[in-house]
């Protein structure tokens, strides 16, 4: 009975894990040749030989290169017809901290890299104040293509891009996530709450602490709000055990 209960629990755990993977858009798992595990195995109430082996296929974590390959030269929504470059993401593939923005702007569309314009320069200063280099963190957006005229993302555009964002986050598996602006926070937290109510406290994203805060572009128009963002980032630093400079 003990072995049967262990088997039941194992199957239940695997089913729950596979359901989580399906939510991120992963339809299959890579297979690697497993090493044999030897020992006595009980099947249908009978013991096999002590030399019999049981093989279990280990799960290989997806990496960013695989996600980018699947994304390809994406034409899943109309934004593909107006973009100059697809903007996937940049930074450390094993970063402790991930920043998620809204969508590429004009400079990002031209260079194919997230947060390289004026708002990106401000983000780089924020990252530096947190005692990171830009190359230490990972930076990406909800959308991979620039909306015309920098308009807000449309629901159908978010729907097409979201599975790839979730896979990016799963591949990096950071210790913390910072959502920059309303659309990033609302998309990952599946809420309609405004950023002004979401910021300032951690939320749970599949076991990862997530801190929503104002977008750097908003800070350029409202510099007085930089104090609130710095308060949010100090909370992230404490979570990551980074000592605050006096």
C-alpha atoms as a PDB file:
ATOM      1  CA  UNK A   1       0.000   0.000   0.000  1.00  0.00           C
ATOM      2  CA  UNK A   2       2.903   2.338   0.782  1.00  0.00           C
ATOM      3  CA  UNK A   3       4.354   1.983  -2.724  1.00  0.00           C
ATOM      4  CA  UNK A   4       0.935   2.528  -4.308  1.00  0.00           C
ATOM      5  CA  UNK A   5       0.394   5.738  -2.359  1.00  0.00           C
ATOM      6  CA  UNK A   6       3.847   7.043  -3.380  1.00  0.00           C
ATOM      7  CA  UNK A   7       3.061   6.257  -7.006  1.00  0.00           C
ATOM      8  CA  UNK A   8      -0.286   8.050  -6.772  1.00  0.00           C
ATOM      9  CA  UNK A   9       1.354  11.158  -5.311  1.00  0.00           C
ATOM     10  CA  UNK A  10       4.058  11.114  -7.994  1.00  0.00           C
ATOM     11  CA  UNK A  11       1.498  10.940 -10.802  1.00  0.00           C
ATOM     12  CA  UNK A  12      -0.497  13.808  -9.245  1.00  0.00           C
ATOM     13  CA  UNK A  13       2.633  15.976  -8.985  1.00  0.00           C
ATOM     14  CA  UNK A  14       3.608  15.280 -12.590  1.00  0.00           C
ATOM     15  CA  UNK A  15       0.113  16.125 -13.826  1.00  0.00           C
ATOM     16  CA  UNK A  16       0.144  19.450 -11.960  1.00  0.00           C
ATOM     17  CA  UNK A  17       3.576  20.274 -13.377  1.00  0.00           C
ATOM     18  CA  UNK A  18       2.522  19.500 -16.935  1.00  0.00           C
ATOM     19  CA  UNK A  19      -0.581  21.675 -16.557  1.00  0.00           C
ATOM     20  CA  UNK A  20       1.648  24.589 -15.493  1.00  0.00           C
ATOM     21  CA  UNK A  21       3.851  24.044 -18.543  1.00  0.00           C
ATOM     22  CA  UNK A  22       0.842  24.046 -20.856  1.00  0.00           C
ATOM     23  CA  UNK A  23      -0.208  27.429 -19.475  1.00  0.00           C
ATOM     24  CA  UNK A  24       3.133  28.858 -20.647  1.00  0.00           C
ATOM     25  CA  UNK A  25       2.665  27.486 -24.173  1.00  0.00           C
ATOM     26  CA  UNK A  26       5.016  24.482 -23.926  1.00  0.00           C
ATOM     27  CA  UNK A  27       3.523  21.537 -25.777  1.00  0.00           C
ATOM     28  CA  UNK A  28       6.314  19.008 -25.335  1.00  0.00           C
ATOM     29  CA  UNK A  29       9.430  18.211 -23.314  1.00  0.00           C
ATOM     30  CA  UNK A  30      12.917  17.441 -24.533  1.00  0.00           C
ATOM     31  CA  UNK A  31      14.018  13.844 -23.937  1.00  0.00           C
ATOM     32  CA  UNK A  32      17.448  12.906 -22.624  1.00  0.00           C
ATOM     33  CA  UNK A  33      18.674   9.313 -22.254  1.00  0.00           C
ATOM     34  CA  UNK A  34      18.307   8.534 -18.538  1.00  0.00           C
ATOM     35  CA  UNK A  35      20.762   6.698 -16.354  1.00  0.00           C
ATOM     36  CA  UNK A  36      19.440   3.382 -15.044  1.00  0.00           C
ATOM     37  CA  UNK A  37      18.379   3.143 -11.414  1.00  0.00           C
ATOM     38  CA  UNK A  38      18.812  -0.381 -10.074  1.00  0.00           C
ATOM     39  CA  UNK A  39      16.920  -2.017  -7.251  1.00  0.00           C
ATOM     40  CA  UNK A  40      13.943  -4.187  -6.414  1.00  0.00           C
ATOM     41  CA  UNK A  41      10.734  -3.068  -8.049  1.00  0.00           C
ATOM     42  CA  UNK A  42       7.293  -4.260  -7.024  1.00  0.00           C
ATOM     43  CA  UNK A  43       4.871  -4.688  -9.915  1.00  0.00           C
ATOM     44  CA  UNK A  44       1.324  -5.986  -9.388  1.00  0.00           C
ATOM     45  CA  UNK A  45       2.290  -7.292  -5.993  1.00  0.00           C
ATOM     46  CA  UNK A  46       5.376  -9.212  -7.209  1.00  0.00           C
ATOM     47  CA  UNK A  47       9.062  -8.352  -6.754  1.00  0.00           C
ATOM     48  CA  UNK A  48      11.363  -8.299  -9.753  1.00  0.00           C
ATOM     49  CA  UNK A  49      15.010  -9.263  -9.687  1.00  0.00           C
ATOM     50  CA  UNK A  50      17.289  -6.931  -7.657  1.00  0.00           C
ATOM     51  CA  UNK A  51      19.174  -6.226 -10.891  1.00  0.00           C
ATOM     52  CA  UNK A  52      16.083  -4.891 -12.682  1.00  0.00           C
ATOM     53  CA  UNK A  53      16.233  -1.196 -13.568  1.00  0.00           C
ATOM     54  CA  UNK A  54      13.631   1.553 -13.569  1.00  0.00           C
ATOM     55  CA  UNK A  55      14.185   4.475 -15.938  1.00  0.00           C
ATOM     56  CA  UNK A  56      12.728   7.938 -15.570  1.00  0.00           C
ATOM     57  CA  UNK A  57      13.221  10.687 -18.130  1.00  0.00           C
ATOM     58  CA  UNK A  58      14.578  13.873 -16.501  1.00  0.00           C
ATOM     59  CA  UNK A  59      12.920  17.173 -17.380  1.00  0.00           C
ATOM     60  CA  UNK A  60      15.251  19.556 -19.216  1.00  0.00           C
ATOM     61  CA  UNK A  61      14.570  23.229 -18.516  1.00  0.00           C
ATOM     62  CA  UNK A  62      13.879  25.309 -21.606  1.00  0.00           C
ATOM     63  CA  UNK A  63      16.413  28.032 -22.418  1.00  0.00           C
ATOM     64  CA  UNK A  64      16.016  31.449 -24.049  1.00  0.00           C
ATOM     65  CA  UNK A  65      17.512  30.295 -27.346  1.00  0.00           C
ATOM     66  CA  UNK A  66      14.748  27.712 -27.686  1.00  0.00           C
ATOM     67  CA  UNK A  67      12.070  30.326 -26.984  1.00  0.00           C
ATOM     68  CA  UNK A  68      13.585  32.716 -29.525  1.00  0.00           C
ATOM     69  CA  UNK A  69      13.768  29.942 -32.123  1.00  0.00           C
ATOM     70  CA  UNK A  70      10.082  29.122 -31.655  1.00  0.00           C
ATOM     71  CA  UNK A  71       9.151  32.800 -31.905  1.00  0.00           C
ATOM     72  CA  UNK A  72      10.919  33.019 -35.270  1.00  0.00           C
ATOM     73  CA  UNK A  73      10.098  35.963 -37.521  1.00  0.00           C
ATOM     74  CA  UNK A  74       6.741  36.226 -35.823  1.00  0.00           C
ATOM     75  CA  UNK A  75       3.681  37.211 -37.866  1.00  0.00           C
ATOM     76  CA  UNK A  76       1.055  36.168 -35.329  1.00  0.00           C
ATOM     77  CA  UNK A  77      -0.515  39.640 -35.212  1.00  0.00           C
ATOM     78  CA  UNK A  78      -0.683  42.731 -37.402  1.00  0.00           C
ATOM     79  CA  UNK A  79       2.299  44.409 -35.683  1.00  0.00           C
ATOM     80  CA  UNK A  80       4.627  42.292 -37.789  1.00  0.00           C
ATOM     81  CA  UNK A  81       3.655  44.390 -40.816  1.00  0.00           C
ATOM     82  CA  UNK A  82       4.785  47.680 -39.280  1.00  0.00           C
ATOM     83  CA  UNK A  83       7.863  46.740 -37.249  1.00  0.00           C
ATOM     84  CA  UNK A  84      11.475  47.314 -38.260  1.00  0.00           C
ATOM     85  CA  UNK A  85      12.947  44.763 -35.858  1.00  0.00           C
ATOM     86  CA  UNK A  86      11.502  42.193 -33.517  1.00  0.00           C
ATOM     87  CA  UNK A  87      12.619  43.024 -29.943  1.00  0.00           C
ATOM     88  CA  UNK A  88      12.990  39.807 -27.948  1.00  0.00           C
ATOM     89  CA  UNK A  89      14.994  40.591 -24.810  1.00  0.00           C
ATOM     90  CA  UNK A  90      18.520  41.144 -23.570  1.00  0.00           C
ATOM     91  CA  UNK A  91      20.722  40.440 -20.589  1.00  0.00           C
ATOM     92  CA  UNK A  92      21.829  37.621 -18.356  1.00  0.00           C
ATOM     93  CA  UNK A  93      19.974  34.366 -19.193  1.00  0.00           C
ATOM     94  CA  UNK A  94      20.368  33.309 -15.547  1.00  0.00           C
ATOM     95  CA  UNK A  95      19.632  36.712 -14.011  1.00  0.00           C
ATOM     96  CA  UNK A  96      18.502  37.085 -10.415  1.00  0.00           C
ATOM     97  CA  UNK A  97      16.289  39.999 -11.464  1.00  0.00           C
ATOM     98  CA  UNK A  98      14.073  40.499 -14.542  1.00  0.00           C
ATOM     99  CA  UNK A  99      12.514  43.778 -15.684  1.00  0.00           C
ATOM    100  CA  UNK A 100       9.370  43.503 -17.817  1.00  0.00           C
ATOM    101  CA  UNK A 101       8.163  46.543 -19.746  1.00  0.00           C
ATOM    102  CA  UNK A 102       5.250  47.283 -22.017  1.00  0.00           C
ATOM    103  CA  UNK A 103       6.384  47.377 -25.665  1.00  0.00           C
ATOM    104  CA  UNK A 104       9.259  48.594 -27.821  1.00  0.00           C
ATOM    105  CA  UNK A 105       9.367  52.264 -28.777  1.00  0.00           C
ATOM    106  CA  UNK A 106      10.917  53.930 -31.812  1.00  0.00           C
ATOM    107  CA  UNK A 107      14.542  53.507 -30.718  1.00  0.00           C
ATOM    108  CA  UNK A 108      13.958  49.921 -29.648  1.00  0.00           C
ATOM    109  CA  UNK A 109      12.278  49.104 -32.952  1.00  0.00           C
ATOM    110  CA  UNK A 110      15.244  50.509 -34.876  1.00  0.00           C
ATOM    111  CA  UNK A 111      17.914  48.780 -32.780  1.00  0.00           C
ATOM    112  CA  UNK A 112      16.115  45.540 -31.938  1.00  0.00           C
ATOM    113  CA  UNK A 113      16.911  45.905 -28.223  1.00  0.00           C
ATOM    114  CA  UNK A 114      14.575  46.771 -25.322  1.00  0.00           C
ATOM    115  CA  UNK A 115      14.904  50.018 -23.366  1.00  0.00           C
ATOM    116  CA  UNK A 116      17.585  51.832 -25.363  1.00  0.00           C
ATOM    117  CA  UNK A 117      15.816  55.196 -25.766  1.00  0.00           C
ATOM    118  CA  UNK A 118      15.474  57.979 -23.217  1.00  0.00           C
ATOM    119  CA  UNK A 119      13.310  55.826 -20.934  1.00  0.00           C
ATOM    120  CA  UNK A 120      15.876  53.052 -21.302  1.00  0.00           C
ATOM    121  CA  UNK A 121      18.653  55.362 -20.182  1.00  0.00           C
ATOM    122  CA  UNK A 122      16.675  56.133 -17.046  1.00  0.00           C
ATOM    123  CA  UNK A 123      16.122  52.411 -16.458  1.00  0.00           C
ATOM    124  CA  UNK A 124      19.888  51.849 -16.757  1.00  0.00           C
ATOM    125  CA  UNK A 125      20.420  54.468 -14.025  1.00  0.00           C
ATOM    126  CA  UNK A 126      17.867  52.704 -11.816  1.00  0.00           C
ATOM    127  CA  UNK A 127      19.613  49.359 -12.382  1.00  0.00           C
ATOM    128  CA  UNK A 128      22.968  50.944 -11.522  1.00  0.00           C
ATOM    129  CA  UNK A 129      21.536  52.492  -8.339  1.00  0.00           C
ATOM    130  CA  UNK A 130      20.425  48.978  -7.366  1.00  0.00           C
ATOM    131  CA  UNK A 131      24.103  47.928  -7.637  1.00  0.00           C
ATOM    132  CA  UNK A 132      23.619  45.903 -10.805  1.00  0.00           C
ATOM    133  CA  UNK A 133      25.015  46.347 -14.271  1.00  0.00           C
ATOM    134  CA  UNK A 134      22.610  46.224 -17.180  1.00  0.00           C
ATOM    135  CA  UNK A 135      24.265  42.960 -18.271  1.00  0.00           C
ATOM    136  CA  UNK A 136      23.534  41.428 -14.843  1.00  0.00           C
ATOM    137  CA  UNK A 137      19.748  41.582 -15.234  1.00  0.00           C
ATOM    138  CA  UNK A 138      17.356  40.452 -17.959  1.00  0.00           C
ATOM    139  CA  UNK A 139      15.110  42.984 -19.733  1.00  0.00           C
ATOM    140  CA  UNK A 140      12.114  42.247 -21.943  1.00  0.00           C
ATOM    141  CA  UNK A 141       8.639  43.523 -22.841  1.00  0.00           C
ATOM    142  CA  UNK A 142       5.090  42.237 -22.982  1.00  0.00           C
ATOM    143  CA  UNK A 143       5.051  42.891 -26.750  1.00  0.00           C
ATOM    144  CA  UNK A 144       7.939  42.036 -29.055  1.00  0.00           C
ATOM    145  CA  UNK A 145       6.975  44.567 -31.753  1.00  0.00           C
ATOM    146  CA  UNK A 146       6.384  48.317 -31.611  1.00  0.00           C
ATOM    147  CA  UNK A 147       2.734  49.431 -31.761  1.00  0.00           C
ATOM    148  CA  UNK A 148       2.293  52.192 -34.392  1.00  0.00           C
ATOM    149  CA  UNK A 149       2.712  55.627 -32.860  1.00  0.00           C
ATOM    150  CA  UNK A 150       3.615  54.008 -29.524  1.00  0.00           C
ATOM    151  CA  UNK A 151      -0.080  53.433 -28.813  1.00  0.00           C
ATOM    152  CA  UNK A 152      -1.169  51.120 -26.018  1.00  0.00           C
ATOM    153  CA  UNK A 153      -0.984  47.345 -26.626  1.00  0.00           C
ATOM    154  CA  UNK A 154      -4.226  45.777 -27.811  1.00  0.00           C
ATOM    155  CA  UNK A 155      -5.675  42.669 -26.091  1.00  0.00           C
ATOM    156  CA  UNK A 156      -5.196  40.475 -29.170  1.00  0.00           C
ATOM    157  CA  UNK A 157      -1.549  41.554 -29.424  1.00  0.00           C
ATOM    158  CA  UNK A 158      -0.919  40.723 -25.779  1.00  0.00           C
ATOM    159  CA  UNK A 159      -2.642  37.371 -26.265  1.00  0.00           C
ATOM    160  CA  UNK A 160      -0.252  36.405 -29.069  1.00  0.00           C
ATOM    161  CA  UNK A 161       2.908  37.583 -27.273  1.00  0.00           C
ATOM    162  CA  UNK A 162       2.127  36.481 -23.736  1.00  0.00           C
ATOM    163  CA  UNK A 163       3.037  32.774 -24.116  1.00  0.00           C
ATOM    164  CA  UNK A 164       6.546  33.721 -25.231  1.00  0.00           C
ATOM    165  CA  UNK A 165       6.968  36.144 -22.330  1.00  0.00           C
ATOM    166  CA  UNK A 166       5.907  33.438 -19.872  1.00  0.00           C
ATOM    167  CA  UNK A 167       8.407  31.051 -21.431  1.00  0.00           C
ATOM    168  CA  UNK A 168      11.142  33.696 -21.175  1.00  0.00           C
ATOM    169  CA  UNK A 169      10.454  34.104 -17.474  1.00  0.00           C
ATOM    170  CA  UNK A 170      10.407  30.338 -17.012  1.00  0.00           C
ATOM    171  CA  UNK A 171      13.743  29.990 -18.798  1.00  0.00           C
ATOM    172  CA  UNK A 172      15.456  32.694 -16.731  1.00  0.00           C
ATOM    173  CA  UNK A 173      13.706  31.654 -13.489  1.00  0.00           C
ATOM    174  CA  UNK A 174      14.732  34.795 -11.569  1.00  0.00           C
ATOM    175  CA  UNK A 175      14.559  35.452  -7.851  1.00  0.00           C
ATOM    176  CA  UNK A 176      12.427  38.560  -8.448  1.00  0.00           C
ATOM    177  CA  UNK A 177      10.524  40.335 -11.238  1.00  0.00           C
ATOM    178  CA  UNK A 178       9.939  44.069 -11.623  1.00  0.00           C
ATOM    179  CA  UNK A 179       6.976  45.039 -13.799  1.00  0.00           C
ATOM    180  CA  UNK A 180       7.377  48.480 -15.368  1.00  0.00           C
ATOM    181  CA  UNK A 181       4.005  50.098 -15.907  1.00  0.00           C
ATOM    182  CA  UNK A 182       0.357  49.165 -16.081  1.00  0.00           C
ATOM    183  CA  UNK A 183       0.306  46.704 -18.971  1.00  0.00           C
ATOM    184  CA  UNK A 184       3.220  44.616 -17.709  1.00  0.00           C
ATOM    185  CA  UNK A 185       1.757  44.332 -14.211  1.00  0.00           C
ATOM    186  CA  UNK A 186      -1.810  43.689 -15.339  1.00  0.00           C
ATOM    187  CA  UNK A 187      -0.714  41.043 -17.849  1.00  0.00           C
ATOM    188  CA  UNK A 188       1.403  38.995 -15.464  1.00  0.00           C
ATOM    189  CA  UNK A 189      -0.931  39.371 -12.487  1.00  0.00           C
ATOM    190  CA  UNK A 190      -4.115  38.905 -14.550  1.00  0.00           C
ATOM    191  CA  UNK A 191      -5.788  41.917 -12.978  1.00  0.00           C
ATOM    192  CA  UNK A 192      -7.386  45.212 -13.989  1.00  0.00           C
ATOM    193  CA  UNK A 193      -6.081  47.089 -10.960  1.00  0.00           C
ATOM    194  CA  UNK A 194      -4.193  50.297 -11.872  1.00  0.00           C
ATOM    195  CA  UNK A 195      -0.450  50.465 -11.327  1.00  0.00           C
ATOM    196  CA  UNK A 196      -0.956  53.102  -8.630  1.00  0.00           C
ATOM    197  CA  UNK A 197      -2.717  50.474  -6.479  1.00  0.00           C
ATOM    198  CA  UNK A 198      -0.471  47.551  -7.419  1.00  0.00           C
ATOM    199  CA  UNK A 199       2.921  49.162  -6.796  1.00  0.00           C
ATOM    200  CA  UNK A 200       4.727  49.286  -3.485  1.00  0.00           C
ATOM    201  CA  UNK A 201       4.169  45.667  -2.467  1.00  0.00           C
ATOM    202  CA  UNK A 202       5.167  42.247  -3.681  1.00  0.00           C
ATOM    203  CA  UNK A 203       2.755  39.974  -5.516  1.00  0.00           C
ATOM    204  CA  UNK A 204       3.188  36.277  -6.247  1.00  0.00           C
ATOM    205  CA  UNK A 205       3.937  35.140  -9.777  1.00  0.00           C
ATOM    206  CA  UNK A 206       4.205  31.322  -9.803  1.00  0.00           C
ATOM    207  CA  UNK A 207       6.251  31.464  -6.618  1.00  0.00           C
ATOM    208  CA  UNK A 208       8.417  34.404  -7.748  1.00  0.00           C
ATOM    209  CA  UNK A 209       8.036  37.750  -5.903  1.00  0.00           C
ATOM    210  CA  UNK A 210       6.838  40.398  -8.368  1.00  0.00           C
ATOM    211  CA  UNK A 211       7.082  44.139  -7.722  1.00  0.00           C
ATOM    212  CA  UNK A 212       5.014  46.461  -9.948  1.00  0.00           C
ATOM    213  CA  UNK A 213       6.245  50.039 -10.303  1.00  0.00           C
ATOM    214  CA  UNK A 214       5.902  53.027 -12.614  1.00  0.00           C
ATOM    215  CA  UNK A 215       7.342  52.877 -16.126  1.00  0.00           C
ATOM    216  CA  UNK A 216      10.483  54.971 -16.777  1.00  0.00           C
ATOM    217  CA  UNK A 217       8.632  56.802 -19.574  1.00  0.00           C
ATOM    218  CA  UNK A 218       6.063  57.894 -16.969  1.00  0.00           C
ATOM    219  CA  UNK A 219       8.884  59.146 -14.741  1.00  0.00           C
ATOM    220  CA  UNK A 220      10.229  61.307 -17.562  1.00  0.00           C
ATOM    221  CA  UNK A 221       6.874  63.088 -17.629  1.00  0.00           C
ATOM    222  CA  UNK A 222       6.426  63.005 -13.853  1.00  0.00           C
ATOM    223  CA  UNK A 223       9.877  63.243 -12.253  1.00  0.00           C
ATOM    224  CA  UNK A 224       8.372  63.774  -8.802  1.00  0.00           C
ATOM    225  CA  UNK A 225       7.327  60.092  -8.829  1.00  0.00           C
ATOM    226  CA  UNK A 226      10.936  58.881  -8.916  1.00  0.00           C
ATOM    227  CA  UNK A 227      10.878  58.757  -5.111  1.00  0.00           C
ATOM    228  CA  UNK A 228       8.095  56.130  -5.173  1.00  0.00           C
ATOM    229  CA  UNK A 229       9.971  54.004  -7.701  1.00  0.00           C
ATOM    230  CA  UNK A 230      13.148  54.142  -5.646  1.00  0.00           C
ATOM    231  CA  UNK A 231      11.176  53.012  -2.592  1.00  0.00           C
ATOM    232  CA  UNK A 232       9.910  50.050  -4.630  1.00  0.00           C
ATOM    233  CA  UNK A 233      13.429  49.191  -5.819  1.00  0.00           C
ATOM    234  CA  UNK A 234      14.806  49.329  -2.276  1.00  0.00           C
ATOM    235  CA  UNK A 235      12.283  46.657  -1.313  1.00  0.00           C
ATOM    236  CA  UNK A 236      13.535  44.525  -4.199  1.00  0.00           C
ATOM    237  CA  UNK A 237      17.121  45.055  -3.054  1.00  0.00           C
ATOM    238  CA  UNK A 238      16.263  43.925   0.471  1.00  0.00           C
ATOM    239  CA  UNK A 239      14.573  40.840  -0.946  1.00  0.00           C
ATOM    240  CA  UNK A 240      17.768  40.039  -2.864  1.00  0.00           C
ATOM    241  CA  UNK A 241      19.912  40.731   0.224  1.00  0.00           C
ATOM    242  CA  UNK A 242      21.646  43.710  -1.379  1.00  0.00           C
ATOM    243  CA  UNK A 243      22.883  46.143   1.235  1.00  0.00           C
ATOM    244  CA  UNK A 244      21.548  49.661   0.803  1.00  0.00           C
ATOM    245  CA  UNK A 245      24.206  52.337   0.580  1.00  0.00           C
ATOM    246  CA  UNK A 246      23.871  55.168   3.061  1.00  0.00           C
END
